PDB file of N, CA and C in Angstrom:
ATOM      1  N   MET A   1       5.914 -17.892   1.160  1.00  0.00           N
ATOM      2  CA  MET A   1       5.170 -18.624  -0.041  1.00  0.00           C
ATOM      3  C   MET A   1       4.294 -17.771  -0.893  1.00  0.00           C
ATOM      4  N   LYS A   2       4.301 -18.096  -2.146  1.00  0.00           N
ATOM      5  CA  LYS A   2       3.664 -17.213  -3.234  1.00  0.00           C
ATOM      6  C   LYS A   2       2.066 -17.689  -3.256  1.00  0.00           C
ATOM      7  N   HIS A   3       1.132 -16.657  -3.138  1.00  0.00           N
ATOM      8  CA  HIS A   3      -0.155 -16.903  -3.286  1.00  0.00           C
ATOM      9  C   HIS A   3      -0.682 -16.359  -4.500  1.00  0.00           C
ATOM     10  N   TYR A   4      -1.566 -16.963  -5.164  1.00  0.00           N
ATOM     11  CA  TYR A   4      -2.398 -16.346  -6.367  1.00  0.00           C
ATOM     12  C   TYR A   4      -3.471 -15.499  -5.708  1.00  0.00           C
ATOM     13  N   VAL A   5      -3.634 -14.329  -6.104  1.00  0.00           N
ATOM     14  CA  VAL A   5      -4.568 -13.439  -5.614  1.00  0.00           C
ATOM     15  C   VAL A   5      -5.580 -12.930  -6.598  1.00  0.00           C
ATOM     16  N   GLY A   6      -5.382 -13.368  -8.185  1.00  0.00           N
ATOM     17  CA  GLY A   6      -6.303 -12.890  -9.023  1.00  0.00           C
ATOM     18  C   GLY A   6      -5.640 -12.526 -10.466  1.00  0.00           C
ATOM     19  N   THR A   7      -6.300 -11.965 -11.041  1.00  0.00           N
ATOM     20  CA  THR A   7      -5.704 -11.478 -12.633  1.00  0.00           C
ATOM     21  C   THR A   7      -5.495  -9.958 -12.631  1.00  0.00           C
ATOM     22  N   VAL A   8      -4.774  -9.421 -13.461  1.00  0.00           N
ATOM     23  CA  VAL A   8      -4.391  -7.954 -13.528  1.00  0.00           C
ATOM     24  C   VAL A   8      -5.871  -7.291 -13.875  1.00  0.00           C
ATOM     25  N   GLY A   9      -6.676  -7.901 -14.655  1.00  0.00           N
ATOM     26  CA  GLY A   9      -8.126  -7.269 -15.103  1.00  0.00           C
ATOM     27  C   GLY A   9      -8.959  -7.222 -13.718  1.00  0.00           C
ATOM     28  N   GLU A  10      -8.712  -7.655 -12.581  1.00  0.00           N
ATOM     29  CA  GLU A  10      -9.558  -7.631 -11.513  1.00  0.00           C
ATOM     30  C   GLU A  10      -9.163  -6.476 -10.670  1.00  0.00           C
ATOM     31  N   VAL A  11      -7.875  -5.790 -10.939  1.00  0.00           N
ATOM     32  CA  VAL A  11      -7.513  -4.687 -10.136  1.00  0.00           C
ATOM     33  C   VAL A  11      -7.644  -3.262 -10.981  1.00  0.00           C
ATOM     34  N   ALA A  12      -8.604  -2.543 -10.642  1.00  0.00           N
ATOM     35  CA  ALA A  12      -9.001  -1.347 -11.475  1.00  0.00           C
ATOM     36  C   ALA A  12      -7.910  -0.232 -10.766  1.00  0.00           C
ATOM     37  N   GLU A  13      -7.427   0.888 -11.723  1.00  0.00           N
ATOM     38  CA  GLU A  13      -6.426   1.826 -11.267  1.00  0.00           C
ATOM     39  C   GLU A  13      -7.046   2.464 -10.146  1.00  0.00           C
ATOM     40  N   SER A  14      -6.257   2.742  -9.213  1.00  0.00           N
ATOM     41  CA  SER A  14      -6.502   3.475  -8.115  1.00  0.00           C
ATOM     42  C   SER A  14      -7.885   2.933  -7.175  1.00  0.00           C
ATOM     43  N   GLN A  15      -8.158   1.826  -7.443  1.00  0.00           N
ATOM     44  CA  GLN A  15      -9.095   1.054  -6.642  1.00  0.00           C
ATOM     45  C   GLN A  15      -8.630  -0.346  -6.081  1.00  0.00           C
ATOM     46  N   PRO A  16      -8.129  -0.118  -4.851  1.00  0.00           N
ATOM     47  CA  PRO A  16      -7.520  -1.403  -4.278  1.00  0.00           C
ATOM     48  C   PRO A  16      -8.418  -2.543  -4.060  1.00  0.00           C
ATOM     49  N   LYS A  17      -7.634  -3.778  -4.387  1.00  0.00           N
ATOM     50  CA  LYS A  17      -8.444  -4.930  -4.301  1.00  0.00           C
ATOM     51  C   LYS A  17      -7.896  -5.398  -2.812  1.00  0.00           C
ATOM     52  N   ILE A  18      -8.838  -5.648  -2.112  1.00  0.00           N
ATOM     53  CA  ILE A  18      -8.329  -6.336  -0.843  1.00  0.00           C
ATOM     54  C   ILE A  18      -8.959  -8.044  -0.528  1.00  0.00           C
ATOM     55  N   ILE A  19      -7.734  -8.549  -0.216  1.00  0.00           N
ATOM     56  CA  ILE A  19      -7.705  -9.808  -0.272  1.00  0.00           C
ATOM     57  C   ILE A  19      -7.362 -10.420   1.130  1.00  0.00           C
ATOM     58  N   GLU A  20      -7.491 -11.552   1.676  1.00  0.00           N
ATOM     59  CA  GLU A  20      -6.867 -11.892   2.700  1.00  0.00           C
ATOM     60  C   GLU A  20      -6.212 -13.408   2.425  1.00  0.00           C
ATOM     61  N   ILE A  21      -4.883 -13.470   3.023  1.00  0.00           N
ATOM     62  CA  ILE A  21      -4.059 -14.447   2.935  1.00  0.00           C
ATOM     63  C   ILE A  21      -3.611 -14.807   4.355  1.00  0.00           C
ATOM     64  N   ASP A  22      -3.620 -16.061   4.746  1.00  0.00           N
ATOM     65  CA  ASP A  22      -3.379 -16.433   5.989  1.00  0.00           C
ATOM     66  C   ASP A  22      -3.880 -15.607   7.389  1.00  0.00           C
ATOM     67  N   GLY A  23      -5.160 -14.884   7.221  1.00  0.00           N
ATOM     68  CA  GLY A  23      -5.774 -14.185   8.034  1.00  0.00           C
ATOM     69  C   GLY A  23      -5.093 -12.674   8.209  1.00  0.00           C
ATOM     70  N   ILE A  24      -4.382 -12.408   7.022  1.00  0.00           N
ATOM     71  CA  ILE A  24      -3.869 -11.105   6.746  1.00  0.00           C
ATOM     72  C   ILE A  24      -4.562 -10.339   5.767  1.00  0.00           C
ATOM     73  N   SER A  25      -5.085  -9.106   6.204  1.00  0.00           N
ATOM     74  CA  SER A  25      -5.751  -8.502   5.038  1.00  0.00           C
ATOM     75  C   SER A  25      -4.857  -7.638   4.174  1.00  0.00           C
ATOM     76  N   ILE A  26      -4.950  -7.796   3.077  1.00  0.00           N
ATOM     77  CA  ILE A  26      -3.761  -7.304   2.011  1.00  0.00           C
ATOM     78  C   ILE A  26      -4.467  -6.411   0.897  1.00  0.00           C
ATOM     79  N   GLY A  27      -4.092  -5.297   0.545  1.00  0.00           N
ATOM     80  CA  GLY A  27      -4.565  -4.573  -0.396  1.00  0.00           C
ATOM     81  C   GLY A  27      -3.546  -4.657  -1.572  1.00  0.00           C
ATOM     82  N   ILE A  28      -4.356  -4.876  -2.968  1.00  0.00           N
ATOM     83  CA  ILE A  28      -3.482  -4.910  -4.210  1.00  0.00           C
ATOM     84  C   ILE A  28      -3.918  -3.607  -4.787  1.00  0.00           C
ATOM     85  N   ILE A  29      -2.779  -2.904  -4.990  1.00  0.00           N
ATOM     86  CA  ILE A  29      -3.079  -1.540  -5.684  1.00  0.00           C
ATOM     87  C   ILE A  29      -2.404  -1.458  -7.081  1.00  0.00           C
ATOM     88  N   TYR A  30      -3.117  -0.960  -8.088  1.00  0.00           N
ATOM     89  CA  TYR A  30      -2.449  -0.691  -9.301  1.00  0.00           C
ATOM     90  C   TYR A  30      -2.396   0.763  -9.793  1.00  0.00           C
ATOM     91  N   LYS A  31      -1.429   1.307  -9.917  1.00  0.00           N
ATOM     92  CA  LYS A  31      -1.341   2.845 -10.116  1.00  0.00           C
ATOM     93  C   LYS A  31      -0.063   2.946 -11.171  1.00  0.00           C
ATOM     94  N   SER A  32      -0.352   3.857 -12.234  1.00  0.00           N
ATOM     95  CA  SER A  32       0.615   4.222 -13.104  1.00  0.00           C
ATOM     96  C   SER A  32       1.617   3.106 -13.628  1.00  0.00           C
ATOM     97  N   GLY A  33       0.950   1.942 -13.850  1.00  0.00           N
ATOM     98  CA  GLY A  33       1.465   1.102 -14.491  1.00  0.00           C
ATOM     99  C   GLY A  33       2.236   0.051 -13.576  1.00  0.00           C
ATOM    100  N   ASN A  34       2.235   0.374 -12.158  1.00  0.00           N
ATOM    101  CA  ASN A  34       2.759  -0.548 -11.048  1.00  0.00           C
ATOM    102  C   ASN A  34       1.843  -1.136 -10.036  1.00  0.00           C
ATOM    103  N   TYR A  35       2.146  -2.192  -9.649  1.00  0.00           N
ATOM    104  CA  TYR A  35       1.278  -3.108  -8.714  1.00  0.00           C
ATOM    105  C   TYR A  35       1.964  -3.063  -7.403  1.00  0.00           C
ATOM    106  N   TYR A  36       1.159  -2.968  -6.279  1.00  0.00           N
ATOM    107  CA  TYR A  36       1.668  -2.772  -5.104  1.00  0.00           C
ATOM    108  C   TYR A  36       1.125  -3.695  -4.136  1.00  0.00           C
ATOM    109  N   ALA A  37       1.258  -4.374  -3.091  1.00  0.00           N
ATOM    110  CA  ALA A  37       0.840  -5.292  -2.219  1.00  0.00           C
ATOM    111  C   ALA A  37       1.146  -4.587  -0.732  1.00  0.00           C
ATOM    112  N   ILE A  38       0.045  -4.143  -0.047  1.00  0.00           N
ATOM    113  CA  ILE A  38       0.319  -3.664   1.279  1.00  0.00           C
ATOM    114  C   ILE A  38      -0.659  -4.233   2.277  1.00  0.00           C
ATOM    115  N   ARG A  39      -0.043  -4.301   3.561  1.00  0.00           N
ATOM    116  CA  ARG A  39      -0.887  -4.923   4.492  1.00  0.00           C
ATOM    117  C   ARG A  39      -2.136  -3.712   4.776  1.00  0.00           C
ATOM    118  N   ASN A  40      -3.323  -4.021   4.977  1.00  0.00           N
ATOM    119  CA  ASN A  40      -4.333  -3.317   4.993  1.00  0.00           C
ATOM    120  C   ASN A  40      -4.467  -2.683   6.304  1.00  0.00           C
ATOM    121  N   THR A  41      -3.348  -2.294   6.988  1.00  0.00           N
ATOM    122  CA  THR A  41      -3.522  -1.713   8.182  1.00  0.00           C
ATOM    123  C   THR A  41      -2.605  -0.660   8.424  1.00  0.00           C
ATOM    124  N   CYS A  42      -3.040   0.593   8.828  1.00  0.00           N
ATOM    125  CA  CYS A  42      -2.295   1.865   8.822  1.00  0.00           C
ATOM    126  C   CYS A  42      -1.370   1.647  10.270  1.00  0.00           C
ATOM    127  N   PRO A  43      -0.032   1.968  10.033  1.00  0.00           N
ATOM    128  CA  PRO A  43       0.571   1.813  11.362  1.00  0.00           C
ATOM    129  C   PRO A  43       0.362   2.883  12.319  1.00  0.00           C
ATOM    130  N   HIS A  44      -0.485   3.754  12.181  1.00  0.00           N
ATOM    131  CA  HIS A  44      -0.777   5.044  13.096  1.00  0.00           C
ATOM    132  C   HIS A  44      -1.967   4.440  14.150  1.00  0.00           C
ATOM    133  N   LYS A  45      -3.232   4.293  13.873  1.00  0.00           N
ATOM    134  CA  LYS A  45      -4.037   3.647  14.565  1.00  0.00           C
ATOM    135  C   LYS A  45      -4.728   2.258  14.054  1.00  0.00           C
ATOM    136  N   HIS A  46      -4.048   1.743  13.315  1.00  0.00           N
ATOM    137  CA  HIS A  46      -4.570   0.443  12.545  1.00  0.00           C
ATOM    138  C   HIS A  46      -5.895   0.545  11.887  1.00  0.00           C
ATOM    139  N   GLY A  47      -6.194   1.700  11.187  1.00  0.00           N
ATOM    140  CA  GLY A  47      -7.081   1.624  10.310  1.00  0.00           C
ATOM    141  C   GLY A  47      -7.114   0.996   9.009  1.00  0.00           C
ATOM    142  N   PRO A  48      -8.069   0.889   8.253  1.00  0.00           N
ATOM    143  CA  PRO A  48      -7.944   0.149   7.115  1.00  0.00           C
ATOM    144  C   PRO A  48      -7.429   1.146   5.925  1.00  0.00           C
ATOM    145  N   ILE A  49      -6.183   1.153   5.848  1.00  0.00           N
ATOM    146  CA  ILE A  49      -5.575   2.166   4.780  1.00  0.00           C
ATOM    147  C   ILE A  49      -5.811   1.869   3.340  1.00  0.00           C
ATOM    148  N   CYS A  50      -6.035   0.612   3.010  1.00  0.00           N
ATOM    149  CA  CYS A  50      -6.536   0.428   1.505  1.00  0.00           C
ATOM    150  C   CYS A  50      -7.830   1.024   1.206  1.00  0.00           C
ATOM    151  N   LYS A  51      -8.723   1.485   2.239  1.00  0.00           N
ATOM    152  CA  LYS A  51      -9.978   2.024   1.887  1.00  0.00           C
ATOM    153  C   LYS A  51      -9.736   3.658   1.661  1.00  0.00           C
ATOM    154  N   GLY A  52      -8.304   4.173   1.751  1.00  0.00           N
ATOM    155  CA  GLY A  52      -8.085   5.428   1.567  1.00  0.00           C
ATOM    156  C   GLY A  52      -8.022   5.748   0.201  1.00  0.00           C
ATOM    157  N   THR A  53      -7.518   6.845  -0.032  1.00  0.00           N
ATOM    158  CA  THR A  53      -7.342   7.394  -1.467  1.00  0.00           C
ATOM    159  C   THR A  53      -5.835   7.355  -1.918  1.00  0.00           C
ATOM    160  N   VAL A  54      -5.677   7.129  -3.094  1.00  0.00           N
ATOM    161  CA  VAL A  54      -4.310   7.030  -3.884  1.00  0.00           C
ATOM    162  C   VAL A  54      -4.317   8.495  -4.396  1.00  0.00           C
ATOM    163  N   ARG A  55      -3.188   9.357  -4.045  1.00  0.00           N
ATOM    164  CA  ARG A  55      -3.126  10.666  -4.513  1.00  0.00           C
ATOM    165  C   ARG A  55      -1.645  11.196  -4.531  1.00  0.00           C
ATOM    166  N   GLY A  56      -1.758  12.397  -4.501  1.00  0.00           N
ATOM    167  CA  GLY A  56      -0.366  13.103  -4.373  1.00  0.00           C
ATOM    168  C   GLY A  56      -0.319  13.777  -2.997  1.00  0.00           C
ATOM    169  N   THR A  57       0.714  14.670  -2.569  1.00  0.00           N
ATOM    170  CA  THR A  57       0.868  15.125  -1.385  1.00  0.00           C
ATOM    171  C   THR A  57       1.314  16.525  -1.641  1.00  0.00           C
ATOM    172  N   MET A  58       1.577  17.255  -0.415  1.00  0.00           N
ATOM    173  CA  MET A  58       2.349  18.654  -0.320  1.00  0.00           C
ATOM    174  C   MET A  58       3.779  18.320   0.009  1.00  0.00           C
ATOM    175  N   LEU A  59       4.414  19.124  -0.897  1.00  0.00           N
ATOM    176  CA  LEU A  59       6.086  18.629  -0.683  1.00  0.00           C
ATOM    177  C   LEU A  59       6.507  19.793   0.176  1.00  0.00           C
ATOM    178  N   PRO A  60       7.750  19.565   0.679  1.00  0.00           N
ATOM    179  CA  PRO A  60       8.672  20.542   1.438  1.00  0.00           C
ATOM    180  C   PRO A  60       8.728  21.705   0.480  1.00  0.00           C
ATOM    181  N   SER A  61       8.455  22.799   1.134  1.00  0.00           N
ATOM    182  CA  SER A  61       8.661  24.064   0.354  1.00  0.00           C
ATOM    183  C   SER A  61       8.894  25.192   1.325  1.00  0.00           C
ATOM    184  N   ASN A  62       9.441  26.378   0.682  1.00  0.00           N
ATOM    185  CA  ASN A  62       9.670  27.613   1.489  1.00  0.00           C
ATOM    186  C   ASN A  62       8.336  28.069   2.046  1.00  0.00           C
ATOM    187  N   PRO A  63       8.333  28.853   3.297  1.00  0.00           N
ATOM    188  CA  PRO A  63       7.312  29.545   3.815  1.00  0.00           C
ATOM    189  C   PRO A  63       6.518  30.358   2.939  1.00  0.00           C
ATOM    190  N   GLN A  64       5.064  30.224   2.818  1.00  0.00           N
ATOM    191  CA  GLN A  64       4.205  30.854   1.973  1.00  0.00           C
ATOM    192  C   GLN A  64       4.328  30.383   0.516  1.00  0.00           C
ATOM    193  N   GLU A  65       4.909  29.272   0.248  1.00  0.00           N
ATOM    194  CA  GLU A  65       4.891  28.418  -0.942  1.00  0.00           C
ATOM    195  C   GLU A  65       4.235  27.083  -0.781  1.00  0.00           C
ATOM    196  N   TYR A  66       3.568  26.705  -1.740  1.00  0.00           N
ATOM    197  CA  TYR A  66       2.953  25.522  -1.794  1.00  0.00           C
ATOM    198  C   TYR A  66       3.046  24.512  -3.067  1.00  0.00           C
ATOM    199  N   ILE A  67       3.674  23.374  -2.625  1.00  0.00           N
ATOM    200  CA  ILE A  67       3.978  22.595  -3.961  1.00  0.00           C
ATOM    201  C   ILE A  67       3.320  21.322  -3.740  1.00  0.00           C
ATOM    202  N   TYR A  68       2.449  20.730  -4.647  1.00  0.00           N
ATOM    203  CA  TYR A  68       1.954  19.583  -4.797  1.00  0.00           C
ATOM    204  C   TYR A  68       2.644  18.459  -5.828  1.00  0.00           C
ATOM    205  N   GLY A  69       2.960  17.519  -5.356  1.00  0.00           N
ATOM    206  CA  GLY A  69       3.774  16.632  -6.085  1.00  0.00           C
ATOM    207  C   GLY A  69       3.238  15.040  -5.781  1.00  0.00           C
ATOM    208  N   MET A  70       4.161  14.081  -6.228  1.00  0.00           N
ATOM    209  CA  MET A  70       4.204  12.759  -6.051  1.00  0.00           C
ATOM    210  C   MET A  70       2.576  12.271  -6.492  1.00  0.00           C
ATOM    211  N   GLU A  71       2.031  12.853  -7.341  1.00  0.00           N
ATOM    212  CA  GLU A  71       0.630  12.360  -7.655  1.00  0.00           C
ATOM    213  C   GLU A  71       0.642  11.020  -8.032  1.00  0.00           C
ATOM    214  N   GLU A  72      -0.489  10.283  -7.638  1.00  0.00           N
ATOM    215  CA  GLU A  72      -0.545   8.786  -7.835  1.00  0.00           C
ATOM    216  C   GLU A  72       0.367   7.954  -7.066  1.00  0.00           C
ATOM    217  N   GLN A  73       1.289   8.622  -6.207  1.00  0.00           N
ATOM    218  CA  GLN A  73       2.332   7.740  -5.428  1.00  0.00           C
ATOM    219  C   GLN A  73       2.356   7.671  -4.098  1.00  0.00           C
ATOM    220  N   VAL A  74       1.000   8.183  -3.477  1.00  0.00           N
ATOM    221  CA  VAL A  74       0.653   8.209  -2.031  1.00  0.00           C
ATOM    222  C   VAL A  74      -0.435   7.711  -1.586  1.00  0.00           C
ATOM    223  N   ILE A  75      -0.657   6.971  -0.627  1.00  0.00           N
ATOM    224  CA  ILE A  75      -1.911   6.479  -0.036  1.00  0.00           C
ATOM    225  C   ILE A  75      -2.265   7.092   1.081  1.00  0.00           C
ATOM    226  N   ALA A  76      -3.443   7.703   1.233  1.00  0.00           N
ATOM    227  CA  ALA A  76      -3.751   8.274   2.729  1.00  0.00           C
ATOM    228  C   ALA A  76      -4.776   7.533   3.365  1.00  0.00           C
ATOM    229  N   CYS A  77      -4.653   7.324   4.626  1.00  0.00           N
ATOM    230  CA  CYS A  77      -5.732   6.478   5.639  1.00  0.00           C
ATOM    231  C   CYS A  77      -6.880   7.175   5.750  1.00  0.00           C
ATOM    232  N   PRO A  78      -8.065   6.600   5.591  1.00  0.00           N
ATOM    233  CA  PRO A  78      -9.474   7.220   5.717  1.00  0.00           C
ATOM    234  C   PRO A  78      -9.709   7.668   7.123  1.00  0.00           C
ATOM    235  N   TRP A  79      -8.878   7.260   8.130  1.00  0.00           N
ATOM    236  CA  TRP A  79      -9.302   7.595   9.366  1.00  0.00           C
ATOM    237  C   TRP A  79      -8.824   8.892   9.894  1.00  0.00           C
ATOM    238  N   HIS A  80      -7.472   8.998   9.598  1.00  0.00           N
ATOM    239  CA  HIS A  80      -6.772  10.603   9.999  1.00  0.00           C
ATOM    240  C   HIS A  80      -6.003  10.916   9.053  1.00  0.00           C
ATOM    241  N   GLY A  81      -5.997  10.579   7.851  1.00  0.00           N
ATOM    242  CA  GLY A  81      -5.277  11.326   6.776  1.00  0.00           C
ATOM    243  C   GLY A  81      -3.834  10.937   6.569  1.00  0.00           C
ATOM    244  N   TRP A  82      -3.171  10.085   7.774  1.00  0.00           N
ATOM    245  CA  TRP A  82      -1.843   9.749   7.515  1.00  0.00           C
ATOM    246  C   TRP A  82      -1.498   9.318   6.223  1.00  0.00           C
ATOM    247  N   GLU A  83      -0.281   9.712   5.424  1.00  0.00           N
ATOM    248  CA  GLU A  83       0.162   9.629   4.359  1.00  0.00           C
ATOM    249  C   GLU A  83       1.251   8.712   4.035  1.00  0.00           C
ATOM    250  N   PHE A  84       1.184   7.734   3.320  1.00  0.00           N
ATOM    251  CA  PHE A  84       2.589   6.874   2.860  1.00  0.00           C
ATOM    252  C   PHE A  84       2.829   6.727   1.436  1.00  0.00           C
ATOM    253  N   ASP A  85       4.226   6.547   1.334  1.00  0.00           N
ATOM    254  CA  ASP A  85       4.726   6.555  -0.133  1.00  0.00           C
ATOM    255  C   ASP A  85       4.405   5.223  -0.593  1.00  0.00           C
ATOM    256  N   LEU A  86       3.625   4.837  -1.673  1.00  0.00           N
ATOM    257  CA  LEU A  86       3.480   3.523  -2.011  1.00  0.00           C
ATOM    258  C   LEU A  86       4.910   2.689  -2.531  1.00  0.00           C
ATOM    259  N   GLU A  87       5.666   3.474  -3.025  1.00  0.00           N
ATOM    260  CA  GLU A  87       6.825   2.642  -3.334  1.00  0.00           C
ATOM    261  C   GLU A  87       7.704   2.163  -2.425  1.00  0.00           C
ATOM    262  N   THR A  88       7.952   3.148  -1.439  1.00  0.00           N
ATOM    263  CA  THR A  88       8.895   2.549  -0.054  1.00  0.00           C
ATOM    264  C   THR A  88       8.106   2.149   1.100  1.00  0.00           C
ATOM    265  N   GLY A  89       6.646   2.718   1.282  1.00  0.00           N
ATOM    266  CA  GLY A  89       6.023   2.445   2.452  1.00  0.00           C
ATOM    267  C   GLY A  89       6.314   3.286   3.453  1.00  0.00           C
ATOM    268  N   LYS A  90       7.167   4.331   3.241  1.00  0.00           N
ATOM    269  CA  LYS A  90       7.591   5.260   4.324  1.00  0.00           C
ATOM    270  C   LYS A  90       6.355   6.310   4.586  1.00  0.00           C
ATOM    271  N   GLY A  91       6.189   6.774   5.920  1.00  0.00           N
ATOM    272  CA  GLY A  91       5.299   7.775   6.216  1.00  0.00           C
ATOM    273  C   GLY A  91       5.844   9.210   5.802  1.00  0.00           C
ATOM    274  N   PHE A  92       5.096  10.276   5.584  1.00  0.00           N
ATOM    275  CA  PHE A  92       5.399  11.291   5.448  1.00  0.00           C
ATOM    276  C   PHE A  92       5.137  12.197   6.996  1.00  0.00           C
ATOM    277  N   GLY A  93       6.152  12.738   7.413  1.00  0.00           N
ATOM    278  CA  GLY A  93       6.158  13.588   8.533  1.00  0.00           C
ATOM    279  C   GLY A  93       6.084  12.640   9.699  1.00  0.00           C
ATOM    280  N   ASN A  94       6.392  11.290   9.654  1.00  0.00           N
ATOM    281  CA  ASN A  94       6.349  10.416  10.946  1.00  0.00           C
ATOM    282  C   ASN A  94       7.249   9.407  10.371  1.00  0.00           C
ATOM    283  N   ASP A  95       7.567   8.486  11.463  1.00  0.00           N
ATOM    284  CA  ASP A  95       8.532   7.659  11.389  1.00  0.00           C
ATOM    285  C   ASP A  95       7.998   6.145  11.114  1.00  0.00           C
ATOM    286  N   ARG A  96       6.879   6.142  10.704  1.00  0.00           N
ATOM    287  CA  ARG A  96       6.039   4.702  10.561  1.00  0.00           C
ATOM    288  C   ARG A  96       6.083   4.384   9.060  1.00  0.00           C
ATOM    289  N   LYS A  97       5.852   3.061   8.995  1.00  0.00           N
ATOM    290  CA  LYS A  97       6.152   2.600   7.539  1.00  0.00           C
ATOM    291  C   LYS A  97       5.151   1.381   7.298  1.00  0.00           C
ATOM    292  N   LEU A  98       4.582   1.445   5.981  1.00  0.00           N
ATOM    293  CA  LEU A  98       3.682   0.297   5.727  1.00  0.00           C
ATOM    294  C   LEU A  98       4.375  -0.962   5.490  1.00  0.00           C
ATOM    295  N   LYS A  99       3.574  -2.138   6.046  1.00  0.00           N
ATOM    296  CA  LYS A  99       4.167  -3.308   5.535  1.00  0.00           C
ATOM    297  C   LYS A  99       3.948  -3.607   4.178  1.00  0.00           C
ATOM    298  N   LYS A 100       4.965  -3.890   3.223  1.00  0.00           N
ATOM    299  CA  LYS A 100       4.742  -4.344   1.954  1.00  0.00           C
ATOM    300  C   LYS A 100       4.957  -5.735   1.698  1.00  0.00           C
ATOM    301  N   TYR A 101       4.580  -6.187   0.748  1.00  0.00           N
ATOM    302  CA  TYR A 101       4.785  -7.571   0.297  1.00  0.00           C
ATOM    303  C   TYR A 101       5.290  -7.755  -1.080  1.00  0.00           C
ATOM    304  N   SER A 102       5.913  -8.671  -1.487  1.00  0.00           N
ATOM    305  CA  SER A 102       6.571  -8.898  -2.936  1.00  0.00           C
ATOM    306  C   SER A 102       5.478  -9.276  -3.670  1.00  0.00           C
ATOM    307  N   ILE A 103       5.305  -8.578  -5.096  1.00  0.00           N
ATOM    308  CA  ILE A 103       4.270  -8.903  -5.611  1.00  0.00           C
ATOM    309  C   ILE A 103       4.869  -9.522  -7.049  1.00  0.00           C
ATOM    310  N   GLU A 104       4.316 -10.390  -7.947  1.00  0.00           N
ATOM    311  CA  GLU A 104       4.835 -10.799  -9.102  1.00  0.00           C
ATOM    312  C   GLU A 104       3.613 -11.012 -10.188  1.00  0.00           C
ATOM    313  N   ILE A 105       3.704 -10.500 -11.161  1.00  0.00           N
ATOM    314  CA  ILE A 105       2.639 -10.471 -12.142  1.00  0.00           C
ATOM    315  C   ILE A 105       3.425 -11.645 -13.177  1.00  0.00           C
ATOM    316  N   ASN A 106       2.575 -12.744 -13.624  1.00  0.00           N
ATOM    317  CA  ASN A 106       3.116 -13.718 -14.313  1.00  0.00           C
ATOM    318  C   ASN A 106       2.010 -14.204 -15.297  1.00  0.00           C
ATOM    319  N   ASP A 107       1.881 -13.817 -16.511  1.00  0.00           N
ATOM    320  CA  ASP A 107       0.852 -14.021 -17.585  1.00  0.00           C
ATOM    321  C   ASP A 107      -0.586 -13.603 -16.976  1.00  0.00           C
ATOM    322  N   ASP A 108      -0.438 -12.364 -16.769  1.00  0.00           N
ATOM    323  CA  ASP A 108      -1.712 -11.650 -16.304  1.00  0.00           C
ATOM    324  C   ASP A 108      -2.165 -12.144 -15.050  1.00  0.00           C
ATOM    325  N   GLU A 109      -1.328 -12.918 -14.245  1.00  0.00           N
ATOM    326  CA  GLU A 109      -2.010 -13.545 -12.902  1.00  0.00           C
ATOM    327  C   GLU A 109      -0.909 -12.779 -11.967  1.00  0.00           C
ATOM    328  N   ILE A 110      -1.468 -12.454 -10.875  1.00  0.00           N
ATOM    329  CA  ILE A 110      -1.042 -11.660  -9.753  1.00  0.00           C
ATOM    330  C   ILE A 110      -0.805 -12.613  -8.498  1.00  0.00           C
ATOM    331  N   TYR A 111       0.515 -12.746  -8.063  1.00  0.00           N
ATOM    332  CA  TYR A 111       0.945 -13.479  -6.975  1.00  0.00           C
ATOM    333  C   TYR A 111       1.632 -12.567  -5.916  1.00  0.00           C
ATOM    334  N   VAL A 112       1.189 -12.921  -4.478  1.00  0.00           N
ATOM    335  CA  VAL A 112       1.878 -12.129  -3.609  1.00  0.00           C
ATOM    336  C   VAL A 112       2.515 -13.095  -2.589  1.00  0.00           C
ATOM    337  N   GLU A 113       3.796 -12.599  -2.224  1.00  0.00           N
ATOM    338  CA  GLU A 113       4.544 -13.640  -1.335  1.00  0.00           C
ATOM    339  C   GLU A 113       4.341 -13.161   0.137  1.00  0.00           C
ATOM    340  N   VAL A 114       3.647 -14.132   1.059  1.00  0.00           N
ATOM    341  CA  VAL A 114       3.896 -13.948   2.242  1.00  0.00           C
ATOM    342  C   VAL A 114       4.405 -14.909   3.127  1.00  0.00           C
ATOM    343  N   LYS A 115       5.580 -14.362   3.767  1.00  0.00           N
ATOM    344  CA  LYS A 115       6.369 -15.357   4.528  1.00  0.00           C
ATOM    345  C   LYS A 115       5.739 -15.821   5.871  1.00  0.00           C
ATOM    346  N   GLY A 116       6.196 -16.861   6.057  1.00  0.00           N
ATOM    347  CA  GLY A 116       5.466 -17.701   7.338  1.00  0.00           C
ATOM    348  C   GLY A 116       5.701 -16.785   8.559  1.00  0.00           C
ATOM    349  N   LYS A 117       4.683 -16.962   9.570  1.00  0.00           N
ATOM    350  CA  LYS A 117       4.923 -16.240  10.704  1.00  0.00           C
ATOM    351  C   LYS A 117       6.058 -16.872  11.631  1.00  0.00           C
ATOM    352  N   ARG A 118       6.789 -15.928  12.187  1.00  0.00           N
ATOM    353  CA  ARG A 118       7.923 -16.510  13.198  1.00  0.00           C
ATOM    354  C   ARG A 118       7.325 -17.107  14.457  1.00  0.00           C
ATOM    355  N   LYS A 119       8.128 -18.181  14.682  1.00  0.00           N
ATOM    356  CA  LYS A 119       7.667 -18.635  16.072  1.00  0.00           C
ATOM    357  C   LYS A 119       8.591 -18.006  17.125  1.00  0.00           C
ATOM    358  N   LYS A 120       7.865 -17.631  18.045  1.00  0.00           N
ATOM    359  CA  LYS A 120       8.510 -17.072  19.158  1.00  0.00           C
ATOM    360  C   LYS A 120       9.534 -17.997  19.865  1.00  0.00           C
ATOM    361  N   LYS A 121      10.648 -17.334  20.317  1.00  0.00           N
ATOM    362  CA  LYS A 121      11.581 -18.128  21.005  1.00  0.00           C
ATOM    363  C   LYS A 121      11.217 -18.304  22.510  1.00  0.00           C
ATOM    364  N   LYS A 122      11.635 -19.424  23.239  1.00  0.00           N
ATOM    365  CA  LYS A 122      11.125 -19.606  24.255  1.00  0.00           C
ATOM    366  C   LYS A 122      12.403 -19.257  25.362  1.00  0.00           C
TER     367      LYS A 122
END
């Protein structure tokens, strides 16, 4: 189900807007012309990932060589610094992944789709 979460003017660049839908804390992030909706829970130790910073990261390189890249494409958890790609949700140096939600902009209004909770089979 799609939920109205605000307008584009309410989401400042690099400043996640944290909202709650059906008891789930979700961060709306605007960076470099793109909007992202991610669960506000780091998959490492369940820290508030959206309270972290949006930045770049160190890229794989040769020994004694340091390459910084992916500027404005990475979110880092404020608790332990674990980093995740905003586009894919994938972690760097780990196999964890952020929970992402579909986001839609319609006439400057932001909508996030949160699917219903699955019922456990008996």
